[in-house]
């Protein structure tokens, strides 16, 4: 299925109909609690924790 789904999602993104880049936000690992709050509040769909100095 990824062979069908991924190209479809890319096509939607290219057409401006699937803004996945707006659904993901990076957080420094130290901000894990903020990431969880933002996810719970619906401010982000996919919080991504990264090593210090690489977030946001």
N, C-alpha and C. Protein backbone atom coordinates (compact mmCIF):
# COMPACT_ATOMS: atom_id res chain seq x y z
N UNK A 1 0.79 -1.22 0.00
CA UNK A 1 0.00 0.00 0.00
C UNK A 1 0.83 1.28 0.00
N UNK A 2 2.02 1.32 0.64
CA UNK A 2 2.78 2.58 0.61
C UNK A 2 3.08 3.04 -0.81
N UNK A 3 3.22 2.08 -1.73
CA UNK A 3 3.49 2.44 -3.12
C UNK A 3 2.35 3.22 -3.76
N UNK A 4 1.17 3.10 -3.20
CA UNK A 4 0.01 3.85 -3.70
C UNK A 4 -0.26 5.09 -2.84
N UNK A 5 -0.16 4.91 -1.53
CA UNK A 5 -0.50 5.99 -0.61
C UNK A 5 0.48 7.16 -0.67
N UNK A 6 1.77 6.86 -0.63
CA UNK A 6 2.78 7.92 -0.60
C UNK A 6 2.69 8.82 -1.84
N UNK A 7 2.66 8.25 -3.05
CA UNK A 7 2.53 9.14 -4.23
C UNK A 7 1.24 9.96 -4.20
N UNK A 8 0.17 9.38 -3.70
CA UNK A 8 -1.10 10.12 -3.61
C UNK A 8 -0.98 11.30 -2.65
N UNK A 9 -0.37 11.05 -1.48
CA UNK A 9 -0.18 12.13 -0.50
C UNK A 9 0.73 13.21 -1.05
N UNK A 10 1.78 12.82 -1.76
CA UNK A 10 2.68 13.80 -2.36
C UNK A 10 1.93 14.65 -3.38
N UNK A 11 1.10 14.01 -4.19
CA UNK A 11 0.30 14.75 -5.16
C UNK A 11 -0.63 15.74 -4.50
N UNK A 12 -1.26 15.34 -3.41
CA UNK A 12 -2.13 16.26 -2.68
C UNK A 12 -1.34 17.42 -2.10
N UNK A 13 -0.15 17.11 -1.56
CA UNK A 13 0.70 18.16 -1.01
C UNK A 13 1.12 19.14 -2.10
N UNK A 14 1.53 18.64 -3.27
CA UNK A 14 1.94 19.50 -4.36
C UNK A 14 0.79 20.38 -4.85
N UNK A 15 -0.43 19.88 -4.74
CA UNK A 15 -1.60 20.65 -5.14
C UNK A 15 -2.06 21.61 -4.05
N UNK A 16 -1.35 21.61 -2.92
CA UNK A 16 -1.71 22.50 -1.82
C UNK A 16 -2.91 22.02 -1.01
N UNK A 17 -3.23 20.74 -1.12
CA UNK A 17 -4.41 20.21 -0.44
C UNK A 17 -4.08 19.36 0.77
N UNK A 18 -2.80 19.16 1.06
CA UNK A 18 -2.40 18.36 2.22
C UNK A 18 -1.15 19.00 2.83
N UNK A 19 -1.33 19.96 3.74
CA UNK A 19 -0.19 20.70 4.30
C UNK A 19 0.51 19.95 5.43
N UNK A 20 1.06 18.77 5.11
CA UNK A 20 1.66 17.96 6.16
C UNK A 20 2.78 18.68 6.89
N UNK A 21 3.47 19.58 6.21
CA UNK A 21 4.55 20.30 6.87
C UNK A 21 4.03 21.20 7.99
N UNK A 22 2.75 21.53 7.97
CA UNK A 22 2.16 22.33 9.04
C UNK A 22 1.65 21.45 10.19
N UNK A 23 1.64 20.15 10.00
CA UNK A 23 1.14 19.23 11.02
C UNK A 23 2.25 18.76 11.95
N UNK A 24 3.50 18.99 11.56
CA UNK A 24 4.66 18.51 12.30
C UNK A 24 5.39 19.71 12.90
N UNK A 25 5.81 19.56 14.14
CA UNK A 25 6.61 20.60 14.78
C UNK A 25 7.71 19.92 15.58
N UNK A 26 8.91 20.47 15.49
CA UNK A 26 10.02 19.90 16.27
C UNK A 26 10.18 20.65 17.58
N UNK A 27 10.60 19.91 18.58
CA UNK A 27 10.84 20.44 19.93
C UNK A 27 12.16 19.91 20.44
N UNK A 28 12.92 20.74 21.14
CA UNK A 28 14.10 20.20 21.82
C UNK A 28 13.62 19.18 22.86
N UNK A 29 14.42 18.19 23.11
CA UNK A 29 14.04 17.14 24.05
C UNK A 29 13.64 17.70 25.41
N UNK A 30 14.29 18.78 25.81
CA UNK A 30 13.97 19.39 27.12
C UNK A 30 12.54 19.93 27.16
N UNK A 31 11.93 20.16 26.01
CA UNK A 31 10.57 20.72 25.95
C UNK A 31 9.52 19.62 25.75
N UNK A 32 9.80 18.44 26.23
CA UNK A 32 8.88 17.32 26.04
C UNK A 32 7.49 17.61 26.61
N UNK A 33 7.43 18.31 27.73
CA UNK A 33 6.14 18.62 28.33
C UNK A 33 5.34 19.61 27.47
N UNK A 34 6.03 20.58 26.90
CA UNK A 34 5.36 21.53 25.99
C UNK A 34 4.84 20.79 24.75
N UNK A 35 5.65 19.87 24.23
CA UNK A 35 5.23 19.10 23.06
C UNK A 35 3.96 18.31 23.36
N UNK A 36 3.90 17.72 24.53
CA UNK A 36 2.71 16.95 24.91
C UNK A 36 1.49 17.87 25.07
N UNK A 37 1.69 19.03 25.69
CA UNK A 37 0.58 19.98 25.85
C UNK A 37 0.07 20.46 24.50
N UNK A 38 0.99 20.79 23.58
CA UNK A 38 0.59 21.26 22.26
C UNK A 38 -0.19 20.18 21.51
N UNK A 39 0.24 18.94 21.65
CA UNK A 39 -0.46 17.83 20.99
C UNK A 39 -1.85 17.66 21.60
N UNK A 40 -1.93 17.68 22.90
CA UNK A 40 -3.22 17.53 23.58
C UNK A 40 -4.18 18.67 23.22
N UNK A 41 -3.64 19.87 23.03
CA UNK A 41 -4.46 21.04 22.72
C UNK A 41 -4.80 21.13 21.23
N UNK A 42 -4.21 20.26 20.42
CA UNK A 42 -4.49 20.28 18.99
C UNK A 42 -3.68 21.30 18.21
N UNK A 43 -2.65 21.87 18.84
CA UNK A 43 -1.81 22.85 18.14
C UNK A 43 -0.83 22.17 17.18
N UNK A 44 -0.61 20.89 17.38
CA UNK A 44 0.29 20.12 16.52
C UNK A 44 -0.25 18.69 16.45
N UNK A 45 -0.07 18.05 15.31
CA UNK A 45 -0.52 16.67 15.16
C UNK A 45 0.62 15.70 15.47
N UNK A 46 1.82 16.05 15.05
CA UNK A 46 2.98 15.18 15.25
C UNK A 46 4.12 15.97 15.88
N UNK A 47 4.24 15.93 17.21
CA UNK A 47 5.39 16.57 17.83
C UNK A 47 6.62 15.67 17.66
N UNK A 48 7.72 16.26 17.24
CA UNK A 48 8.95 15.52 17.01
C UNK A 48 10.01 16.04 17.95
N UNK A 49 10.49 15.18 18.84
CA UNK A 49 11.53 15.56 19.80
C UNK A 49 12.90 15.31 19.18
N UNK A 50 13.77 16.30 19.31
CA UNK A 50 15.11 16.21 18.75
C UNK A 50 16.15 16.56 19.82
N UNK A 51 17.39 16.11 19.63
CA UNK A 51 18.43 16.44 20.60
C UNK A 51 18.58 17.96 20.75
N UNK A 52 19.09 18.38 21.86
CA UNK A 52 19.26 19.80 22.16
C UNK A 52 19.93 20.56 21.04
N UNK A 53 19.46 21.78 20.82
CA UNK A 53 20.06 22.65 19.83
C UNK A 53 19.57 22.42 18.41
N UNK A 54 18.64 21.49 18.20
CA UNK A 54 18.18 21.21 16.85
C UNK A 54 16.70 21.45 16.66
N UNK A 55 15.97 21.83 17.70
CA UNK A 55 14.53 22.00 17.60
C UNK A 55 14.13 23.34 17.01
N UNK A 56 12.88 23.41 16.62
CA UNK A 56 12.22 24.60 16.08
C UNK A 56 12.97 25.10 14.93
